């Protein structure tokens, strides 16, 4: 979920810059971070809910207009399957790598594992 959080925040900042808005200062950005974290706690593990619960935070603390909200939803829907794909493939690669390490260390017997 961390990649999702980083992606939403970077996309939001990019949209702000594209729309001619200035970047918030660190102090102005803190309420967004606090609201974002609290909102994200309510949707852990629910597919597609990450952005939906954060939209009010984007509107209130970063000044997103309805057009910007529509655009960030569209971008999120377009890129989310690729993030999911990479998460699944990364988890699989990690499992295969761990198995190879354990076989080399003889912590598991390959013949019994198959």
PDB file of N, CA and C in Angstrom:
ATOM      1  N   UNK A   1       0.817  -1.195   0.000  1.00  0.00           N
ATOM      2  CA  UNK A   1       0.000   0.000   0.000  1.00  0.00           C
ATOM      3  C   UNK A   1       0.864   1.264   0.000  1.00  0.00           C
ATOM      4  N   UNK A   2       2.130   1.119   0.364  1.00  0.00           N
ATOM      5  CA  UNK A   2       2.992   2.294   0.405  1.00  0.00           C
ATOM      6  C   UNK A   2       3.176   2.896  -0.982  1.00  0.00           C
ATOM      7  N   UNK A   3       3.329   2.031  -1.985  1.00  0.00           N
ATOM      8  CA  UNK A   3       3.472   2.531  -3.354  1.00  0.00           C
ATOM      9  C   UNK A   3       2.247   3.304  -3.801  1.00  0.00           C
ATOM     10  N   UNK A   4       1.096   2.839  -3.381  1.00  0.00           N
ATOM     11  CA  UNK A   4      -0.161   3.520  -3.686  1.00  0.00           C
ATOM     12  C   UNK A   4      -0.196   4.906  -3.051  1.00  0.00           C
ATOM     13  N   UNK A   5       0.258   4.984  -1.829  1.00  0.00           N
ATOM     14  CA  UNK A   5       0.281   6.277  -1.118  1.00  0.00           C
ATOM     15  C   UNK A   5       1.224   7.265  -1.793  1.00  0.00           C
ATOM     16  N   UNK A   6       2.391   6.776  -2.160  1.00  0.00           N
ATOM     17  CA  UNK A   6       3.367   7.639  -2.831  1.00  0.00           C
ATOM     18  C   UNK A   6       2.822   8.089  -4.185  1.00  0.00           C
ATOM     19  N   UNK A   7       2.213   7.163  -4.920  1.00  0.00           N
ATOM     20  CA  UNK A   7       1.682   7.490  -6.242  1.00  0.00           C
ATOM     21  C   UNK A   7       0.573   8.532  -6.160  1.00  0.00           C
ATOM     22  N   UNK A   8      -0.344   8.368  -5.215  1.00  0.00           N
ATOM     23  CA  UNK A   8      -1.447   9.331  -5.080  1.00  0.00           C
ATOM     24  C   UNK A   8      -0.892  10.717  -4.747  1.00  0.00           C
ATOM     25  N   UNK A   9       0.053  10.776  -3.827  1.00  0.00           N
ATOM     26  CA  UNK A   9       0.610  12.069  -3.425  1.00  0.00           C
ATOM     27  C   UNK A   9       1.385  12.716  -4.566  1.00  0.00           C
ATOM     28  N   UNK A  10       2.214  11.953  -5.264  1.00  0.00           N
ATOM     29  CA  UNK A  10       2.972  12.515  -6.390  1.00  0.00           C
ATOM     30  C   UNK A  10       2.052  12.951  -7.526  1.00  0.00           C
ATOM     31  N   UNK A  11       1.005  12.177  -7.786  1.00  0.00           N
ATOM     32  CA  UNK A  11       0.044  12.557  -8.817  1.00  0.00           C
ATOM     33  C   UNK A  11      -0.683  13.836  -8.422  1.00  0.00           C
ATOM     34  N   UNK A  12      -1.043  13.948  -7.151  1.00  0.00           N
ATOM     35  CA  UNK A  12      -1.720  15.155  -6.673  1.00  0.00           C
ATOM     36  C   UNK A  12      -0.820  16.379  -6.814  1.00  0.00           C
ATOM     37  N   UNK A  13       0.433  16.241  -6.439  1.00  0.00           N
ATOM     38  CA  UNK A  13       1.369  17.369  -6.559  1.00  0.00           C
ATOM     39  C   UNK A  13       1.579  17.741  -8.028  1.00  0.00           C
ATOM     40  N   UNK A  14       1.691  16.735  -8.884  1.00  0.00           N
ATOM     41  CA  UNK A  14       1.851  16.992 -10.316  1.00  0.00           C
ATOM     42  C   UNK A  14       0.641  17.724 -10.879  1.00  0.00           C
ATOM     43  N   UNK A  15      -0.556  17.295 -10.491  1.00  0.00           N
ATOM     44  CA  UNK A  15      -1.771  17.967 -10.956  1.00  0.00           C
ATOM     45  C   UNK A  15      -1.831  19.407 -10.461  1.00  0.00           C
ATOM     46  N   UNK A  16      -1.370  19.644  -9.258  1.00  0.00           N
ATOM     47  CA  UNK A  16      -1.339  21.011  -8.740  1.00  0.00           C
ATOM     48  C   UNK A  16      -0.424  21.886  -9.600  1.00  0.00           C
ATOM     49  N   UNK A  17       0.749  21.364  -9.936  1.00  0.00           N
ATOM     50  CA  UNK A  17       1.694  22.125 -10.750  1.00  0.00           C
ATOM     51  C   UNK A  17       1.175  22.354 -12.162  1.00  0.00           C
ATOM     52  N   UNK A  18       0.557  21.332 -12.757  1.00  0.00           N
ATOM     53  CA  UNK A  18       0.007  21.449 -14.111  1.00  0.00           C
ATOM     54  C   UNK A  18      -1.103  22.498 -14.154  1.00  0.00           C
ATOM     55  N   UNK A  19      -1.865  22.600 -13.076  1.00  0.00           N
ATOM     56  CA  UNK A  19      -2.968  23.562 -13.009  1.00  0.00           C
ATOM     57  C   UNK A  19      -2.534  24.938 -12.508  1.00  0.00           C
ATOM     58  N   UNK A  20      -1.228  25.173 -12.412  1.00  0.00           N
ATOM     59  CA  UNK A  20      -0.729  26.484 -12.037  1.00  0.00           C
ATOM     60  C   UNK A  20      -0.788  26.800 -10.561  1.00  0.00           C
ATOM     61  N   UNK A  21      -1.045  25.807  -9.736  1.00  0.00           N
ATOM     62  CA  UNK A  21      -1.076  26.026  -8.290  1.00  0.00           C
ATOM     63  C   UNK A  21       0.355  25.953  -7.757  1.00  0.00           C
ATOM     64  N   UNK A  22       0.607  26.620  -6.660  1.00  0.00           N
ATOM     65  CA  UNK A  22       1.940  26.558  -6.066  1.00  0.00           C
ATOM     66  C   UNK A  22       2.025  25.361  -5.122  1.00  0.00           C
ATOM     67  N   UNK A  23       3.234  24.890  -4.928  1.00  0.00           N
ATOM     68  CA  UNK A  23       3.438  23.791  -3.993  1.00  0.00           C
ATOM     69  C   UNK A  23       3.194  24.283  -2.566  1.00  0.00           C
ATOM     70  N   UNK A  24       2.553  23.470  -1.750  1.00  0.00           N
ATOM     71  CA  UNK A  24       2.335  23.884  -0.364  1.00  0.00           C
ATOM     72  C   UNK A  24       3.656  23.851   0.407  1.00  0.00           C
ATOM     73  N   UNK A  25       3.775  24.725   1.391  1.00  0.00           N
ATOM     74  CA  UNK A  25       4.948  24.681   2.262  1.00  0.00           C
ATOM     75  C   UNK A  25       4.836  23.449   3.161  1.00  0.00           C
ATOM     76  N   UNK A  26       5.901  23.174   3.871  1.00  0.00           N
ATOM     77  CA  UNK A  26       5.903  22.016   4.760  1.00  0.00           C
ATOM     78  C   UNK A  26       4.780  22.121   5.789  1.00  0.00           C
ATOM     79  N   UNK A  27       4.602  23.282   6.366  1.00  0.00           N
ATOM     80  CA  UNK A  27       3.564  23.488   7.374  1.00  0.00           C
ATOM     81  C   UNK A  27       2.173  23.346   6.748  1.00  0.00           C
ATOM     82  N   UNK A  28       1.995  23.832   5.527  1.00  0.00           N
ATOM     83  CA  UNK A  28       0.703  23.687   4.834  1.00  0.00           C
ATOM     84  C   UNK A  28       0.442  22.242   4.434  1.00  0.00           C
ATOM     85  N   UNK A  29       1.509  21.474   4.234  1.00  0.00           N
ATOM     86  CA  UNK A  29       1.383  20.089   3.785  1.00  0.00           C
ATOM     87  C   UNK A  29       1.070  19.137   4.940  1.00  0.00           C
ATOM     88  N   UNK A  30       1.417  19.506   6.168  1.00  0.00           N
ATOM     89  CA  UNK A  30       1.187  18.636   7.326  1.00  0.00           C
ATOM     90  C   UNK A  30      -0.278  18.243   7.539  1.00  0.00           C
ATOM     91  N   UNK A  31      -1.249  19.167   7.435  1.00  0.00           N
ATOM     92  CA  UNK A  31      -2.643  18.733   7.591  1.00  0.00           C
ATOM     93  C   UNK A  31      -3.072  17.720   6.519  1.00  0.00           C
ATOM     94  N   UNK A  32      -2.533  17.869   5.311  1.00  0.00           N
ATOM     95  CA  UNK A  32      -2.826  16.890   4.255  1.00  0.00           C
ATOM     96  C   UNK A  32      -2.286  15.519   4.657  1.00  0.00           C
ATOM     97  N   UNK A  33      -1.060  15.476   5.130  1.00  0.00           N
ATOM     98  CA  UNK A  33      -0.441  14.203   5.512  1.00  0.00           C
ATOM     99  C   UNK A  33      -1.238  13.552   6.645  1.00  0.00           C
ATOM    100  N   UNK A  34      -1.620  14.321   7.637  1.00  0.00           N
ATOM    101  CA  UNK A  34      -2.393  13.776   8.765  1.00  0.00           C
ATOM    102  C   UNK A  34      -3.749  13.247   8.288  1.00  0.00           C
ATOM    103  N   UNK A  35      -4.452  14.034   7.488  1.00  0.00           N
ATOM    104  CA  UNK A  35      -5.748  13.591   6.960  1.00  0.00           C
ATOM    105  C   UNK A  35      -5.618  12.391   6.053  1.00  0.00           C
ATOM    106  N   UNK A  36      -4.578  12.382   5.241  1.00  0.00           N
ATOM    107  CA  UNK A  36      -4.326  11.268   4.326  1.00  0.00           C
ATOM    108  C   UNK A  36      -4.107   9.977   5.102  1.00  0.00           C
ATOM    109  N   UNK A  37      -3.263  10.031   6.130  1.00  0.00           N
ATOM    110  CA  UNK A  37      -2.977   8.836   6.929  1.00  0.00           C
ATOM    111  C   UNK A  37      -4.213   8.304   7.641  1.00  0.00           C
ATOM    112  N   UNK A  38      -4.987   9.198   8.213  1.00  0.00           N
ATOM    113  CA  UNK A  38      -6.209   8.768   8.908  1.00  0.00           C
ATOM    114  C   UNK A  38      -7.208   8.172   7.923  1.00  0.00           C
ATOM    115  N   UNK A  39      -7.362   8.809   6.757  1.00  0.00           N
ATOM    116  CA  UNK A  39      -8.292   8.293   5.752  1.00  0.00           C
ATOM    117  C   UNK A  39      -7.839   6.927   5.231  1.00  0.00           C
ATOM    118  N   UNK A  40      -6.540   6.751   5.026  1.00  0.00           N
ATOM    119  CA  UNK A  40      -6.027   5.488   4.503  1.00  0.00           C
ATOM    120  C   UNK A  40      -6.217   4.340   5.483  1.00  0.00           C
ATOM    121  N   UNK A  41      -6.250   4.627   6.784  1.00  0.00           N
ATOM    122  CA  UNK A  41      -6.471   3.564   7.767  1.00  0.00           C
ATOM    123  C   UNK A  41      -7.848   2.925   7.608  1.00  0.00           C
ATOM    124  N   UNK A  42      -8.787   3.669   7.052  1.00  0.00           N
ATOM    125  CA  UNK A  42     -10.150   3.153   6.935  1.00  0.00           C
ATOM    126  C   UNK A  42     -10.344   2.244   5.733  1.00  0.00           C
ATOM    127  N   UNK A  43      -9.371   2.149   4.857  1.00  0.00           N
ATOM    128  CA  UNK A  43      -9.599   1.370   3.628  1.00  0.00           C
ATOM    129  C   UNK A  43      -8.496   0.371   3.327  1.00  0.00           C
ATOM    130  N   UNK A  44      -7.727  -0.016   4.297  1.00  0.00           N
ATOM    131  CA  UNK A  44      -6.614  -0.929   4.055  1.00  0.00           C
ATOM    132  C   UNK A  44      -7.132  -2.230   3.445  1.00  0.00           C
ATOM    133  N   UNK A  45      -6.585  -2.574   2.310  1.00  0.00           N
ATOM    134  CA  UNK A  45      -6.915  -3.837   1.661  1.00  0.00           C
ATOM    135  C   UNK A  45      -8.161  -3.831   0.799  1.00  0.00           C
ATOM    136  N   UNK A  46      -8.866  -2.748   0.695  1.00  0.00           N
ATOM    137  CA  UNK A  46     -10.054  -2.694  -0.154  1.00  0.00           C
ATOM    138  C   UNK A  46      -9.630  -2.158  -1.517  1.00  0.00           C
ATOM    139  N   UNK A  47      -9.819  -2.969  -2.532  1.00  0.00           N
ATOM    140  CA  UNK A  47      -9.369  -2.602  -3.874  1.00  0.00           C
ATOM    141  C   UNK A  47     -10.060  -1.332  -4.364  1.00  0.00           C
ATOM    142  N   UNK A  48      -9.266  -0.370  -4.800  1.00  0.00           N
ATOM    143  CA  UNK A  48      -9.794   0.858  -5.373  1.00  0.00           C
ATOM    144  C   UNK A  48     -10.269   1.894  -4.375  1.00  0.00           C
ATOM    145  N   UNK A  49     -10.300   1.551  -3.096  1.00  0.00           N
ATOM    146  CA  UNK A  49     -10.827   2.486  -2.111  1.00  0.00           C
ATOM    147  C   UNK A  49      -9.805   3.522  -1.680  1.00  0.00           C
ATOM    148  N   UNK A  50      -8.548   3.263  -1.961  1.00  0.00           N
ATOM    149  CA  UNK A  50      -7.486   4.170  -1.514  1.00  0.00           C
ATOM    150  C   UNK A  50      -7.743   5.606  -1.915  1.00  0.00           C
ATOM    151  N   UNK A  51      -8.010   5.812  -3.169  1.00  0.00           N
ATOM    152  CA  UNK A  51      -8.193   7.174  -3.648  1.00  0.00           C
ATOM    153  C   UNK A  51      -9.538   7.746  -3.222  1.00  0.00           C
ATOM    154  N   UNK A  52     -10.558   6.929  -3.224  1.00  0.00           N
ATOM    155  CA  UNK A  52     -11.903   7.433  -2.931  1.00  0.00           C
ATOM    156  C   UNK A  52     -12.013   8.049  -1.539  1.00  0.00           C
ATOM    157  N   UNK A  53     -11.341   7.457  -0.555  1.00  0.00           N
ATOM    158  CA  UNK A  53     -11.423   8.010   0.800  1.00  0.00           C
ATOM    159  C   UNK A  53     -10.521   9.219   0.978  1.00  0.00           C
ATOM    160  N   UNK A  54      -9.569   9.399   0.070  1.00  0.00           N
ATOM    161  CA  UNK A  54      -8.627  10.512   0.173  1.00  0.00           C
ATOM    162  C   UNK A  54      -9.132  11.746  -0.584  1.00  0.00           C
ATOM    163  N   UNK A  55     -10.114  11.592  -1.441  1.00  0.00           N
ATOM    164  CA  UNK A  55     -10.603  12.724  -2.237  1.00  0.00           C
ATOM    165  C   UNK A  55     -11.027  13.930  -1.392  1.00  0.00           C
ATOM    166  N   UNK A  56     -11.770  13.749  -0.304  1.00  0.00           N
ATOM    167  CA  UNK A  56     -12.112  14.927   0.510  1.00  0.00           C
ATOM    168  C   UNK A  56     -10.884  15.614   1.105  1.00  0.00           C
ATOM    169  N   UNK A  57      -9.867  14.843   1.420  1.00  0.00           N
ATOM    170  CA  UNK A  57      -8.631  15.413   1.959  1.00  0.00           C
ATOM    171  C   UNK A  57      -7.939  16.249   0.883  1.00  0.00           C
ATOM    172  N   UNK A  58      -7.928  15.743  -0.346  1.00  0.00           N
ATOM    173  CA  UNK A  58      -7.327  16.492  -1.458  1.00  0.00           C
ATOM    174  C   UNK A  58      -8.073  17.803  -1.695  1.00  0.00           C
ATOM    175  N   UNK A  59      -9.382  17.753  -1.618  1.00  0.00           N
ATOM    176  CA  UNK A  59     -10.190  18.959  -1.845  1.00  0.00           C
ATOM    177  C   UNK A  59      -9.983  19.987  -0.730  1.00  0.00           C
ATOM    178  N   UNK A  60      -9.990  19.510   0.509  1.00  0.00           N
ATOM    179  CA  UNK A  60      -9.922  20.438   1.638  1.00  0.00           C
ATOM    180  C   UNK A  60      -8.518  21.014   1.854  1.00  0.00           C
ATOM    181  N   UNK A  61      -7.514  20.157   1.822  1.00  0.00           N
ATOM    182  CA  UNK A  61      -6.183  20.597   2.223  1.00  0.00           C
ATOM    183  C   UNK A  61      -5.283  21.014   1.057  1.00  0.00           C
ATOM    184  N   UNK A  62      -5.553  20.505  -0.145  1.00  0.00           N
ATOM    185  CA  UNK A  62      -4.725  20.892  -1.287  1.00  0.00           C
ATOM    186  C   UNK A  62      -5.488  21.741  -2.294  1.00  0.00           C
ATOM    187  N   UNK A  63      -6.769  21.991  -2.027  1.00  0.00           N
ATOM    188  CA  UNK A  63      -7.552  22.877  -2.872  1.00  0.00           C
ATOM    189  C   UNK A  63      -7.929  22.303  -4.226  1.00  0.00           C
ATOM    190  N   UNK A  64      -8.143  21.005  -4.296  1.00  0.00           N
ATOM    191  CA  UNK A  64      -8.508  20.378  -5.562  1.00  0.00           C
ATOM    192  C   UNK A  64      -9.904  20.817  -5.999  1.00  0.00           C
ATOM    193  N   UNK A  65     -10.041  21.120  -7.276  1.00  0.00           N
ATOM    194  CA  UNK A  65     -11.347  21.450  -7.855  1.00  0.00           C
ATOM    195  C   UNK A  65     -12.009  20.152  -8.313  1.00  0.00           C
ATOM    196  N   UNK A  66     -13.257  20.223  -8.718  1.00  0.00           N
ATOM    197  CA  UNK A  66     -13.949  19.016  -9.190  1.00  0.00           C
ATOM    198  C   UNK A  66     -13.294  18.463 -10.455  1.00  0.00           C
ATOM    199  N   UNK A  67     -12.747  19.337 -11.292  1.00  0.00           N
ATOM    200  CA  UNK A  67     -12.054  18.875 -12.497  1.00  0.00           C
ATOM    201  C   UNK A  67     -10.778  18.117 -12.139  1.00  0.00           C
ATOM    202  N   UNK A  68     -10.053  18.629 -11.148  1.00  0.00           N
ATOM    203  CA  UNK A  68      -8.828  17.957 -10.713  1.00  0.00           C
ATOM    204  C   UNK A  68      -9.145  16.607 -10.070  1.00  0.00           C
ATOM    205  N   UNK A  69     -10.243  16.542  -9.319  1.00  0.00           N
ATOM    206  CA  UNK A  69     -10.673  15.279  -8.718  1.00  0.00           C
ATOM    207  C   UNK A  69     -10.994  14.264  -9.814  1.00  0.00           C
ATOM    208  N   UNK A  70     -11.703  14.707 -10.845  1.00  0.00           N
ATOM    209  CA  UNK A  70     -12.035  13.814 -11.961  1.00  0.00           C
ATOM    210  C   UNK A  70     -10.778  13.305 -12.649  1.00  0.00           C
ATOM    211  N   UNK A  71      -9.816  14.183 -12.829  1.00  0.00           N
ATOM    212  CA  UNK A  71      -8.582  13.804 -13.499  1.00  0.00           C
ATOM    213  C   UNK A  71      -7.754  12.828 -12.663  1.00  0.00           C
ATOM    214  N   UNK A  72      -7.658  13.057 -11.372  1.00  0.00           N
ATOM    215  CA  UNK A  72      -6.867  12.144 -10.548  1.00  0.00           C
ATOM    216  C   UNK A  72      -7.539  10.773 -10.442  1.00  0.00           C
ATOM    217  N   UNK A  73      -8.869  10.738 -10.440  1.00  0.00           N
ATOM    218  CA  UNK A  73      -9.581   9.449 -10.444  1.00  0.00           C
ATOM    219  C   UNK A  73      -9.278   8.703 -11.735  1.00  0.00           C
ATOM    220  N   UNK A  74      -9.327   9.399 -12.861  1.00  0.00           N
ATOM    221  CA  UNK A  74      -9.052   8.774 -14.156  1.00  0.00           C
ATOM    222  C   UNK A  74      -7.632   8.230 -14.198  1.00  0.00           C
ATOM    223  N   UNK A  75      -6.672   9.016 -13.774  1.00  0.00           N
ATOM    224  CA  UNK A  75      -5.279   8.564 -13.772  1.00  0.00           C
ATOM    225  C   UNK A  75      -5.085   7.373 -12.846  1.00  0.00           C
ATOM    226  N   UNK A  76      -5.739   7.402 -11.701  1.00  0.00           N
ATOM    227  CA  UNK A  76      -5.623   6.302 -10.740  1.00  0.00           C
ATOM    228  C   UNK A  76      -6.200   5.011 -11.319  1.00  0.00           C
ATOM    229  N   UNK A  77      -7.373   5.103 -11.949  1.00  0.00           N
ATOM    230  CA  UNK A  77      -8.012   3.921 -12.528  1.00  0.00           C
ATOM    231  C   UNK A  77      -7.150   3.343 -13.653  1.00  0.00           C
ATOM    232  N   UNK A  78      -6.492   4.202 -14.409  1.00  0.00           N
ATOM    233  CA  UNK A  78      -5.645   3.740 -15.503  1.00  0.00           C
ATOM    234  C   UNK A  78      -4.365   3.070 -15.022  1.00  0.00           C
ATOM    235  N   UNK A  79      -3.778   3.550 -13.950  1.00  0.00           N
ATOM    236  CA  UNK A  79      -2.496   2.986 -13.525  1.00  0.00           C
ATOM    237  C   UNK A  79      -2.615   1.918 -12.430  1.00  0.00           C
ATOM    238  N   UNK A  80      -3.725   1.811 -11.752  1.00  0.00           N
ATOM    239  CA  UNK A  80      -3.858   0.870 -10.636  1.00  0.00           C
ATOM    240  C   UNK A  80      -3.622  -0.587 -11.034  1.00  0.00           C
ATOM    241  N   UNK A  81      -4.127  -1.058 -12.179  1.00  0.00           N
ATOM    242  CA  UNK A  81      -3.848  -2.460 -12.542  1.00  0.00           C
ATOM    243  C   UNK A  81      -2.358  -2.758 -12.707  1.00  0.00           C
ATOM    244  N   UNK A  82      -1.597  -1.790 -13.172  1.00  0.00           N
ATOM    245  CA  UNK A  82      -0.163  -2.011 -13.337  1.00  0.00           C
ATOM    246  C   UNK A  82       0.526  -2.127 -11.977  1.00  0.00           C
ATOM    247  N   UNK A  83       0.100  -1.318 -11.023  1.00  0.00           N
ATOM    248  CA  UNK A  83       0.646  -1.422  -9.675  1.00  0.00           C
ATOM    249  C   UNK A  83       0.312  -2.756  -9.036  1.00  0.00           C
ATOM    250  N   UNK A  84      -0.907  -3.221  -9.227  1.00  0.00           N
ATOM    251  CA  UNK A  84      -1.317  -4.520  -8.697  1.00  0.00           C
ATOM    252  C   UNK A  84      -0.500  -5.637  -9.333  1.00  0.00           C
ATOM    253  N   UNK A  85      -0.310  -5.554 -10.638  1.00  0.00           N
ATOM    254  CA  UNK A  85       0.495  -6.548 -11.349  1.00  0.00           C
ATOM    255  C   UNK A  85       1.909  -6.610 -10.781  1.00  0.00           C
ATOM    256  N   UNK A  86       2.521  -5.453 -10.577  1.00  0.00           N
ATOM    257  CA  UNK A  86       3.881  -5.434 -10.060  1.00  0.00           C
ATOM    258  C   UNK A  86       3.954  -5.946  -8.626  1.00  0.00           C
ATOM    259  N   UNK A  87       2.950  -5.657  -7.823  1.00  0.00           N
ATOM    260  CA  UNK A  87       2.921  -6.187  -6.458  1.00  0.00           C
ATOM    261  C   UNK A  87       2.842  -7.709  -6.463  1.00  0.00           C
ATOM    262  N   UNK A  88       1.977  -8.271  -7.297  1.00  0.00           N
ATOM    263  CA  UNK A  88       1.804  -9.726  -7.367  1.00  0.00           C
ATOM    264  C   UNK A  88       3.077 -10.385  -7.881  1.00  0.00           C
ATOM    265  N   UNK A  89       3.653  -9.835  -8.951  1.00  0.00           N
ATOM    266  CA  UNK A  89       4.881 -10.409  -9.506  1.00  0.00           C
ATOM    267  C   UNK A  89       6.041 -10.289  -8.514  1.00  0.00           C
ATOM    268  N   UNK A  90       6.123  -9.172  -7.810  1.00  0.00           N
ATOM    269  CA  UNK A  90       7.178  -8.998  -6.808  1.00  0.00           C
ATOM    270  C   UNK A  90       7.045  -9.981  -5.665  1.00  0.00           C
ATOM    271  N   UNK A  91       5.823 -10.218  -5.218  1.00  0.00           N
ATOM    272  CA  UNK A  91       5.595 -11.192  -4.152  1.00  0.00           C
ATOM    273  C   UNK A  91       5.988 -12.589  -4.608  1.00  0.00           C
ATOM    274  N   UNK A  92       5.641 -12.939  -5.847  1.00  0.00           N
ATOM    275  CA  UNK A  92       6.003 -14.248  -6.391  1.00  0.00           C
ATOM    276  C   UNK A  92       7.508 -14.409  -6.522  1.00  0.00           C
ATOM    277  N   UNK A  93       8.172 -13.388  -7.016  1.00  0.00           N
ATOM    278  CA  UNK A  93       9.630 -13.439  -7.170  1.00  0.00           C
ATOM    279  C   UNK A  93      10.312 -13.559  -5.806  1.00  0.00           C
ATOM    280  N   UNK A  94       9.789 -12.857  -4.823  1.00  0.00           N
ATOM    281  CA  UNK A  94      10.343 -12.946  -3.470  1.00  0.00           C
ATOM    282  C   UNK A  94      10.202 -14.362  -2.925  1.00  0.00           C
ATOM    283  N   UNK A  95       9.050 -14.989  -3.142  1.00  0.00           N
ATOM    284  CA  UNK A  95       8.823 -16.355  -2.663  1.00  0.00           C
ATOM    285  C   UNK A  95       9.769 -17.344  -3.345  1.00  0.00           C
ATOM    286  N   UNK A  96       9.955 -17.196  -4.662  1.00  0.00           N
ATOM    287  CA  UNK A  96      10.861 -18.082  -5.401  1.00  0.00           C
ATOM    288  C   UNK A  96      12.297 -17.882  -4.910  1.00  0.00           C
ATOM    289  N   UNK A  97      12.689 -16.636  -4.707  1.00  0.00           N
ATOM    290  CA  UNK A  97      14.034 -16.361  -4.210  1.00  0.00           C
ATOM    291  C   UNK A  97      14.275 -16.944  -2.830  1.00  0.00           C
ATOM    292  N   UNK A  98      13.299 -16.796  -1.938  1.00  0.00           N
ATOM    293  CA  UNK A  98      13.431 -17.375  -0.596  1.00  0.00           C
ATOM    294  C   UNK A  98      13.533 -18.893  -0.653  1.00  0.00           C
ATOM    295  N   UNK A  99      12.752 -19.514  -1.531  1.00  0.00           N
ATOM    296  CA  UNK A  99      12.813 -20.969  -1.657  1.00  0.00           C
ATOM    297  C   UNK A  99      14.203 -21.403  -2.083  1.00  0.00           C
ATOM    298  N   UNK A 100      14.791 -20.706  -3.028  1.00  0.00           N
ATOM    299  CA  UNK A 100      16.141 -21.056  -3.505  1.00  0.00           C
ATOM    300  C   UNK A 100      17.168 -20.910  -2.384  1.00  0.00           C
ATOM    301  N   UNK A 101      17.041 -19.874  -1.595  1.00  0.00           N
ATOM    302  CA  UNK A 101      17.966 -19.688  -0.471  1.00  0.00           C
ATOM    303  C   UNK A 101      17.798 -20.820   0.534  1.00  0.00           C
ATOM    304  N   UNK A 102      16.569 -21.162   0.862  1.00  0.00           N
ATOM    305  CA  UNK A 102      16.325 -22.222   1.838  1.00  0.00           C
ATOM    306  C   UNK A 102      16.796 -23.576   1.333  1.00  0.00           C
ATOM    307  N   UNK A 103      16.652 -23.850   0.030  1.00  0.00           N
ATOM    308  CA  UNK A 103      17.131 -25.110  -0.536  1.00  0.00           C
ATOM    309  C   UNK A 103      18.653 -25.159  -0.446  1.00  0.00           C
ATOM    310  N   UNK A 104      19.315 -24.069  -0.777  1.00  0.00           N
ATOM    311  CA  UNK A 104      20.783 -24.038  -0.705  1.00  0.00           C
ATOM    312  C   UNK A 104      21.273 -24.196   0.732  1.00  0.00           C
ATOM    313  N   UNK A 105      20.562 -23.642   1.667  1.00  0.00           N
ATOM    314  CA  UNK A 105      20.935 -23.783   3.072  1.00  0.00           C
ATOM    315  C   UNK A 105      20.439 -25.103   3.658  1.00  0.00           C
ATOM    316  N   UNK A 106      19.754 -25.881   2.837  1.00  0.00           N
ATOM    317  CA  UNK A 106      19.194 -27.183   3.227  1.00  0.00           C
ATOM    318  C   UNK A 106      18.204 -27.073   4.388  1.00  0.00           C
ATOM    319  N   UNK A 107      17.502 -25.944   4.421  1.00  0.00           N
ATOM    320  CA  UNK A 107      16.465 -25.781   5.441  1.00  0.00           C
ATOM    321  C   UNK A 107      15.168 -26.457   5.014  1.00  0.00           C
ATOM    322  N   UNK A 108      15.010 -26.643   3.705  1.00  0.00           N
ATOM    323  CA  UNK A 108      13.869 -27.434   3.209  1.00  0.00           C
ATOM    324  C   UNK A 108      14.404 -28.424   2.196  1.00  0.00           C
ATOM    325  N   UNK A 109      13.796 -29.562   2.102  1.00  0.00           N
ATOM    326  CA  UNK A 109      14.198 -30.584   1.154  1.00  0.00           C
ATOM    327  C   UNK A 109      13.401 -30.391  -0.115  1.00  0.00           C
ATOM    328  N   UNK A 110      14.073 -30.147  -1.230  1.00  0.00           N
ATOM    329  CA  UNK A 110      13.406 -29.845  -2.495  1.00  0.00           C
ATOM    330  C   UNK A 110      12.496 -30.998  -2.915  1.00  0.00           C
ATOM    331  N   UNK A 111      12.899 -32.247  -2.711  1.00  0.00           N
ATOM    332  CA  UNK A 111      12.108 -33.409  -3.132  1.00  0.00           C
ATOM    333  C   UNK A 111      10.785 -33.465  -2.373  1.00  0.00           C
ATOM    334  N   UNK A 112      10.795 -33.147  -1.095  1.00  0.00           N
ATOM    335  CA  UNK A 112       9.570 -33.174  -0.310  1.00  0.00           C
ATOM    336  C   UNK A 112       8.692 -31.957  -0.586  1.00  0.00           C
ATOM    337  N   UNK A 113       9.319 -30.877  -1.030  1.00  0.00           N
ATOM    338  CA  UNK A 113       8.585 -29.627  -1.273  1.00  0.00           C
ATOM    339  C   UNK A 113       7.699 -29.732  -2.514  1.00  0.00           C
ATOM    340  N   UNK A 114       8.136 -30.483  -3.508  1.00  0.00           N
ATOM    341  CA  UNK A 114       7.339 -30.613  -4.736  1.00  0.00           C
ATOM    342  C   UNK A 114       6.227 -31.557  -4.494  1.00  0.00           C
TER     343      UNK A 114
END
